[in-house]
Amino acid sequence: TLANELAVPLLVVRCEAVIASYLGETAVRLARLFDQVRTRNCVLFFDEFDVVGKERGDIHETGEIKRVVSSLLLKVDALPSYVIVVTATNHPELLDRAVWRRFQLRLHLPAPIPASVEEWFRRFQETLGAELGVSLKTLSKRLNGLSFSELEQFSLDVQRRYVLSLPDADIRRIVRERLAQWEERFSLNEKRDGKANA
């Protein structure tokens, strides 16, 4: 990773943990975060950056989130050069236009190809120390279109259920049940999207 290459700490910010329900609390949390970060060489990574970097012109957003975005951008601008800020989002269309000007490099990571998904699950089997009971090609086909982040969520879901049901774990049944649940979840999302666009 970037932090490893630079031999500096990687500080990960979960944006959902920064957002508070009380008026003004989010800005206070961000201020504390940036006060601590600016004292060290580090890579500061914001996951799901669209949560705090939303477009301020969105009429559906409250004045509070608009103030948070403005405050966030000012704090990013004020960081010393030895702090490297990296962000990730699955929804670049939601980001405020001013956010794009703060970052010199942008990378688009497409959904993994089937061979990459198969390799992911091959490594997952090695980590788990058990065959999944479903062919890697089948897993790749049925989970087609998911990001690596979503594949990781699926794998962790399987791993938790497997470990919790030891010593009598039926890994094949667990994987098949999780596949059915994930397919239902994504097909429901597609139906909702279809209704919203109708």
C-alpha atoms as a PDB file:
ATOM      1  CA  THR A   1       0.000   0.000   0.000  1.00  0.00           C
ATOM      2  CA  LEU A   2       0.911   3.657  -0.266  1.00  0.00           C
ATOM      3  CA  ALA A   3       1.486   3.949   3.488  1.00  0.00           C
ATOM      4  CA  ASN A   4       3.828   0.928   3.449  1.00  0.00           C
ATOM      5  CA  GLU A   5       5.866   2.355   0.582  1.00  0.00           C
ATOM      6  CA  LEU A   6       6.199   5.677   2.390  1.00  0.00           C
ATOM      7  CA  ALA A   7       6.836   3.953   5.758  1.00  0.00           C
ATOM      8  CA  VAL A   8       4.211   6.093   7.505  1.00  0.00           C
ATOM      9  CA  PRO A   9       1.065   5.176   9.467  1.00  0.00           C
ATOM     10  CA  LEU A  10      -2.210   4.633   7.641  1.00  0.00           C
ATOM     11  CA  LEU A  11      -5.109   6.341   9.430  1.00  0.00           C
ATOM     12  CA  VAL A  12      -8.504   5.099   8.242  1.00  0.00           C
ATOM     13  CA  VAL A  13     -11.566   7.304   8.728  1.00  0.00           C
ATOM     14  CA  ARG A  14     -14.950   5.607   8.597  1.00  0.00           C
ATOM     15  CA  CYS A  15     -17.168   8.467   7.528  1.00  0.00           C
ATOM     16  CA  GLU A  16     -20.304   6.941   9.036  1.00  0.00           C
ATOM     17  CA  ALA A  17     -18.552   7.150  12.423  1.00  0.00           C
ATOM     18  CA  VAL A  18     -17.800  10.838  11.916  1.00  0.00           C
ATOM     19  CA  ILE A  19     -21.376  11.860  11.105  1.00  0.00           C
ATOM     20  CA  ALA A  20     -23.324  12.718  14.259  1.00  0.00           C
ATOM     21  CA  SER A  21     -27.037  13.229  14.803  1.00  0.00           C
ATOM     22  CA  TYR A  22     -26.645  16.421  16.839  1.00  0.00           C
ATOM     23  CA  LEU A  23     -26.315  19.780  15.141  1.00  0.00           C
ATOM     24  CA  GLY A  24     -22.662  20.860  14.970  1.00  0.00           C
ATOM     25  CA  GLU A  25     -21.246  17.615  16.406  1.00  0.00           C
ATOM     26  CA  THR A  26     -19.985  16.361  13.022  1.00  0.00           C
ATOM     27  CA  ALA A  27     -17.920  19.525  12.492  1.00  0.00           C
ATOM     28  CA  VAL A  28     -16.472  19.167  16.003  1.00  0.00           C
ATOM     29  CA  ARG A  29     -15.468  15.559  15.335  1.00  0.00           C
ATOM     30  CA  LEU A  30     -13.830  16.521  12.031  1.00  0.00           C
ATOM     31  CA  ALA A  31     -11.948  19.375  13.734  1.00  0.00           C
ATOM     32  CA  ARG A  32     -10.585  16.960  16.366  1.00  0.00           C
ATOM     33  CA  LEU A  33      -9.574  14.496  13.681  1.00  0.00           C
ATOM     34  CA  PHE A  34      -7.661  17.060  11.634  1.00  0.00           C
ATOM     35  CA  ASP A  35      -6.003  18.550  14.725  1.00  0.00           C
ATOM     36  CA  GLN A  36      -4.541  15.124  15.516  1.00  0.00           C
ATOM     37  CA  VAL A  37      -3.628  14.246  11.940  1.00  0.00           C
ATOM     38  CA  ARG A  38      -1.667  17.405  11.212  1.00  0.00           C
ATOM     39  CA  THR A  39       0.892  16.544  13.924  1.00  0.00           C
ATOM     40  CA  ARG A  40       2.375  13.519  12.086  1.00  0.00           C
ATOM     41  CA  ASN A  41       3.539  12.177   8.738  1.00  0.00           C
ATOM     42  CA  CYS A  42       0.761   9.845   7.611  1.00  0.00           C
ATOM     43  CA  VAL A  43      -1.662   8.724   4.943  1.00  0.00           C
ATOM     44  CA  LEU A  44      -5.210   9.739   5.872  1.00  0.00           C
ATOM     45  CA  PHE A  45      -7.754   7.501   4.159  1.00  0.00           C
ATOM     46  CA  PHE A  46     -11.453   8.371   4.009  1.00  0.00           C
ATOM     47  CA  ASP A  47     -13.656   5.430   3.051  1.00  0.00           C
ATOM     48  CA  GLU A  48     -17.125   6.181   1.608  1.00  0.00           C
ATOM     49  CA  PHE A  49     -16.100   9.804   1.136  1.00  0.00           C
ATOM     50  CA  ASP A  50     -19.438  10.713  -0.462  1.00  0.00           C
ATOM     51  CA  VAL A  51     -20.927  10.662   3.066  1.00  0.00           C
ATOM     52  CA  VAL A  52     -19.001  13.811   4.055  1.00  0.00           C
ATOM     53  CA  GLY A  53     -18.144  15.217   0.617  1.00  0.00           C
ATOM     54  CA  LYS A  54     -21.664  15.491  -0.812  1.00  0.00           C
ATOM     55  CA  GLU A  55     -22.670  18.017  -3.433  1.00  0.00           C
ATOM     56  CA  ARG A  56     -23.676  21.191  -1.599  1.00  0.00           C
ATOM     57  CA  GLY A  57     -26.110  22.197  -4.338  1.00  0.00           C
ATOM     58  CA  ASP A  58     -28.327  19.169  -3.602  1.00  0.00           C
ATOM     59  CA  ILE A  59     -31.704  20.604  -2.558  1.00  0.00           C
ATOM     60  CA  HIS A  60     -32.485  17.456  -0.572  1.00  0.00           C
ATOM     61  CA  GLU A  61     -29.547  17.976   1.798  1.00  0.00           C
ATOM     62  CA  THR A  62     -29.740  19.985   5.026  1.00  0.00           C
ATOM     63  CA  GLY A  63     -27.776  23.113   5.797  1.00  0.00           C
ATOM     64  CA  GLU A  64     -25.781  21.080   8.316  1.00  0.00           C
ATOM     65  CA  ILE A  65     -24.181  18.785   5.712  1.00  0.00           C
ATOM     66  CA  LYS A  66     -23.395  21.811   3.544  1.00  0.00           C
ATOM     67  CA  ARG A  67     -21.513  23.390   6.449  1.00  0.00           C
ATOM     68  CA  VAL A  68     -19.716  20.082   7.079  1.00  0.00           C
ATOM     69  CA  VAL A  69     -18.555  19.877   3.453  1.00  0.00           C
ATOM     70  CA  SER A  70     -17.319  23.496   3.485  1.00  0.00           C
ATOM     71  CA  SER A  71     -15.488  22.926   6.769  1.00  0.00           C
ATOM     72  CA  LEU A  72     -13.988  19.660   5.504  1.00  0.00           C
ATOM     73  CA  LEU A  73     -12.625  21.275   2.341  1.00  0.00           C
ATOM     74  CA  LEU A  74     -11.017  24.094   4.315  1.00  0.00           C
ATOM     75  CA  LYS A  75      -9.386  21.587   6.674  1.00  0.00           C
ATOM     76  CA  VAL A  76      -8.044  19.506   3.765  1.00  0.00           C
ATOM     77  CA  ASP A  77      -6.572  22.670   2.223  1.00  0.00           C
ATOM     78  CA  ALA A  78      -4.887  23.568   5.534  1.00  0.00           C
ATOM     79  CA  LEU A  79      -3.145  20.200   6.000  1.00  0.00           C
ATOM     80  CA  PRO A  80       0.656  20.229   5.805  1.00  0.00           C
ATOM     81  CA  SER A  81       2.303  18.605   2.779  1.00  0.00           C
ATOM     82  CA  TYR A  82       3.494  15.603   4.829  1.00  0.00           C
ATOM     83  CA  VAL A  83      -0.120  14.436   5.275  1.00  0.00           C
ATOM     84  CA  ILE A  84      -1.372  12.575   2.208  1.00  0.00           C
ATOM     85  CA  VAL A  85      -5.158  12.402   1.857  1.00  0.00           C
ATOM     86  CA  VAL A  86      -6.681   9.476  -0.040  1.00  0.00           C
ATOM     87  CA  THR A  87     -10.420   8.955  -0.460  1.00  0.00           C
ATOM     88  CA  ALA A  88     -12.650   6.245  -1.890  1.00  0.00           C
ATOM     89  CA  THR A  89     -16.257   6.259  -3.023  1.00  0.00           C
ATOM     90  CA  ASN A  90     -18.651   4.030  -4.925  1.00  0.00           C
ATOM     91  CA  HIS A  91     -20.704   7.112  -5.860  1.00  0.00           C
ATOM     92  CA  PRO A  92     -18.475   9.742  -7.513  1.00  0.00           C
ATOM     93  CA  GLU A  93     -21.575  11.439  -8.951  1.00  0.00           C
ATOM     94  CA  LEU A  94     -22.571  12.483  -5.404  1.00  0.00           C
ATOM     95  CA  LEU A  95     -19.345  14.356  -4.645  1.00  0.00           C
ATOM     96  CA  ASP A  96     -19.258  18.130  -4.483  1.00  0.00           C
ATOM     97  CA  ARG A  97     -17.526  19.685  -7.496  1.00  0.00           C
ATOM     98  CA  ALA A  98     -15.039  21.455  -5.222  1.00  0.00           C
ATOM     99  CA  VAL A  99     -13.936  18.072  -3.827  1.00  0.00           C
ATOM    100  CA  TRP A 100     -12.527  17.059  -7.215  1.00  0.00           C
ATOM    101  CA  ARG A 101     -10.178  20.064  -7.245  1.00  0.00           C
ATOM    102  CA  ARG A 102      -8.542  18.927  -3.969  1.00  0.00           C
ATOM    103  CA  PHE A 103      -7.091  15.727  -5.423  1.00  0.00           C
ATOM    104  CA  GLN A 104      -4.308  15.575  -7.997  1.00  0.00           C
ATOM    105  CA  LEU A 105      -4.801  11.957  -9.003  1.00  0.00           C
ATOM    106  CA  ARG A 106      -8.045  10.074  -9.682  1.00  0.00           C
ATOM    107  CA  LEU A 107      -8.298   6.332 -10.237  1.00  0.00           C
ATOM    108  CA  HIS A 108     -11.349   4.490 -11.510  1.00  0.00           C
ATOM    109  CA  LEU A 109     -11.421   0.854 -10.387  1.00  0.00           C
ATOM    110  CA  PRO A 110     -13.875  -1.193 -12.472  1.00  0.00           C
ATOM    111  CA  ALA A 111     -15.705  -4.241 -11.120  1.00  0.00           C
ATOM    112  CA  PRO A 112     -13.427  -7.296 -11.116  1.00  0.00           C
ATOM    113  CA  ILE A 113     -13.455  -9.639 -14.099  1.00  0.00           C
ATOM    114  CA  PRO A 114     -14.595 -13.271 -13.547  1.00  0.00           C
ATOM    115  CA  ALA A 115     -11.017 -14.604 -13.407  1.00  0.00           C
ATOM    116  CA  SER A 116     -10.201 -12.109 -10.625  1.00  0.00           C
ATOM    117  CA  VAL A 117     -13.280 -13.187  -8.656  1.00  0.00           C
ATOM    118  CA  GLU A 118     -12.259 -16.840  -8.987  1.00  0.00           C
ATOM    119  CA  GLU A 119      -8.757 -15.973  -7.750  1.00  0.00           C
ATOM    120  CA  TRP A 120     -10.300 -14.050  -4.823  1.00  0.00           C
ATOM    121  CA  PHE A 121     -12.261 -17.126  -3.724  1.00  0.00           C
ATOM    122  CA  ARG A 122      -9.273 -19.428  -4.310  1.00  0.00           C
ATOM    123  CA  ARG A 123      -7.304 -17.343  -1.812  1.00  0.00           C
ATOM    124  CA  PHE A 124     -10.290 -17.158   0.517  1.00  0.00           C
ATOM    125  CA  GLN A 125     -10.471 -20.981   0.588  1.00  0.00           C
ATOM    126  CA  GLU A 126      -6.786 -21.117   1.531  1.00  0.00           C
ATOM    127  CA  THR A 127      -7.332 -18.602   4.337  1.00  0.00           C
ATOM    128  CA  LEU A 128     -10.416 -20.442   5.557  1.00  0.00           C
ATOM    129  CA  GLY A 129      -8.669 -23.816   5.346  1.00  0.00           C
ATOM    130  CA  ALA A 130     -11.753 -25.448   3.801  1.00  0.00           C
ATOM    131  CA  GLU A 131     -13.197 -26.076   0.355  1.00  0.00           C
ATOM    132  CA  LEU A 132     -16.323 -23.990  -0.204  1.00  0.00           C
ATOM    133  CA  GLY A 133     -18.324 -26.847  -1.717  1.00  0.00           C
ATOM    134  CA  VAL A 134     -19.306 -24.678  -4.691  1.00  0.00           C
ATOM    135  CA  SER A 135     -17.147 -24.302  -7.802  1.00  0.00           C
ATOM    136  CA  LEU A 136     -15.205 -21.058  -8.084  1.00  0.00           C
ATOM    137  CA  LYS A 137     -16.682 -20.540 -11.559  1.00  0.00           C
ATOM    138  CA  THR A 138     -20.205 -20.771 -10.107  1.00  0.00           C
ATOM    139  CA  LEU A 139     -19.357 -18.250  -7.389  1.00  0.00           C
ATOM    140  CA  SER A 140     -17.869 -15.903  -9.981  1.00  0.00           C
ATOM    141  CA  LYS A 141     -20.940 -16.169 -12.203  1.00  0.00           C
ATOM    142  CA  ARG A 142     -23.509 -15.717  -9.444  1.00  0.00           C
ATOM    143  CA  LEU A 143     -21.682 -12.796  -7.815  1.00  0.00           C
ATOM    144  CA  ASN A 144     -20.894 -11.112 -11.126  1.00  0.00           C
ATOM    145  CA  GLY A 145     -20.801  -7.315 -10.929  1.00  0.00           C
ATOM    146  CA  LEU A 146     -19.885  -7.022  -7.238  1.00  0.00           C
ATOM    147  CA  SER A 147     -16.909  -4.902  -6.233  1.00  0.00           C
ATOM    148  CA  PHE A 148     -13.980  -6.352  -4.278  1.00  0.00           C
ATOM    149  CA  SER A 149     -15.372  -4.584  -1.210  1.00  0.00           C
ATOM    150  CA  GLU A 150     -18.681  -6.429  -1.619  1.00  0.00           C
ATOM    151  CA  LEU A 151     -16.882  -9.723  -2.270  1.00  0.00           C
ATOM    152  CA  GLU A 152     -15.011  -9.171   0.981  1.00  0.00           C
ATOM    153  CA  GLN A 153     -18.311  -8.595   2.813  1.00  0.00           C
ATOM    154  CA  PHE A 154     -19.718 -11.810   1.321  1.00  0.00           C
ATOM    155  CA  SER A 155     -16.582 -13.769   2.291  1.00  0.00           C
ATOM    156  CA  LEU A 156     -16.581 -12.419   5.856  1.00  0.00           C
ATOM    157  CA  ASP A 157     -20.269 -13.321   6.151  1.00  0.00           C
ATOM    158  CA  VAL A 158     -19.477 -16.911   5.106  1.00  0.00           C
ATOM    159  CA  GLN A 159     -16.420 -17.070   7.379  1.00  0.00           C
ATOM    160  CA  ARG A 160     -18.338 -15.866  10.463  1.00  0.00           C
ATOM    161  CA  ARG A 161     -21.113 -18.384   9.983  1.00  0.00           C
ATOM    162  CA  TYR A 162     -18.616 -21.163   9.338  1.00  0.00           C
ATOM    163  CA  VAL A 163     -16.564 -20.432  12.481  1.00  0.00           C
ATOM    164  CA  LEU A 164     -19.655 -20.023  14.678  1.00  0.00           C
ATOM    165  CA  SER A 165     -21.067 -23.378  13.571  1.00  0.00           C
ATOM    166  CA  LEU A 166     -17.862 -25.378  14.169  1.00  0.00           C
ATOM    167  CA  PRO A 167     -17.236 -28.252  14.781  1.00  0.00           C
ATOM    168  CA  ASP A 168     -20.309 -29.347  12.803  1.00  0.00           C
ATOM    169  CA  ALA A 169     -20.081 -26.658  10.109  1.00  0.00           C
ATOM    170  CA  ASP A 170     -21.556 -27.468   6.694  1.00  0.00           C
ATOM    171  CA  ILE A 171     -19.628 -25.000   4.549  1.00  0.00           C
ATOM    172  CA  ARG A 172     -21.468 -25.930   1.350  1.00  0.00           C
ATOM    173  CA  ARG A 173     -24.866 -25.187   2.945  1.00  0.00           C
ATOM    174  CA  ILE A 174     -23.567 -21.911   4.384  1.00  0.00           C
ATOM    175  CA  VAL A 175     -22.232 -20.742   0.998  1.00  0.00           C
ATOM    176  CA  ARG A 176     -25.439 -21.705  -0.817  1.00  0.00           C
ATOM    177  CA  GLU A 177     -27.617 -19.911   1.754  1.00  0.00           C
ATOM    178  CA  ARG A 178     -25.445 -16.794   1.577  1.00  0.00           C
ATOM    179  CA  LEU A 179     -25.547 -16.861  -2.234  1.00  0.00           C
ATOM    180  CA  ALA A 180     -29.340 -17.041  -2.202  1.00  0.00           C
ATOM    181  CA  GLN A 181     -29.565 -14.199   0.321  1.00  0.00           C
ATOM    182  CA  TRP A 182     -27.156 -11.965  -1.632  1.00  0.00           C
ATOM    183  CA  GLU A 183     -28.891 -12.659  -4.951  1.00  0.00           C
ATOM    184  CA  GLU A 184     -32.255 -11.777  -3.396  1.00  0.00           C
ATOM    185  CA  ARG A 185     -30.816  -8.597  -1.925  1.00  0.00           C
ATOM    186  CA  PHE A 186     -29.389  -7.389  -5.224  1.00  0.00           C
ATOM    187  CA  SER A 187     -32.477  -8.372  -7.216  1.00  0.00           C
ATOM    188  CA  LEU A 188     -34.639  -6.413  -4.729  1.00  0.00           C
ATOM    189  CA  ASN A 189     -32.369  -3.404  -5.228  1.00  0.00           C
ATOM    190  CA  GLU A 190     -32.755  -3.709  -8.992  1.00  0.00           C
ATOM    191  CA  LYS A 191     -36.553  -3.882  -8.657  1.00  0.00           C
ATOM    192  CA  ARG A 192     -36.561  -0.783  -6.443  1.00  0.00           C
ATOM    193  CA  ASP A 193     -34.337   1.055  -8.945  1.00  0.00           C
ATOM    194  CA  GLY A 194     -36.683   0.029 -11.747  1.00  0.00           C
ATOM    195  CA  LYS A 195     -39.713   1.411  -9.865  1.00  0.00           C
ATOM    196  CA  ALA A 196     -37.893   4.624  -9.055  1.00  0.00           C
ATOM    197  CA  ASN A 197     -37.014   5.131 -12.725  1.00  0.00           C
ATOM    198  CA  ALA A 198     -40.502   4.199 -13.994  1.00  0.00           C
END
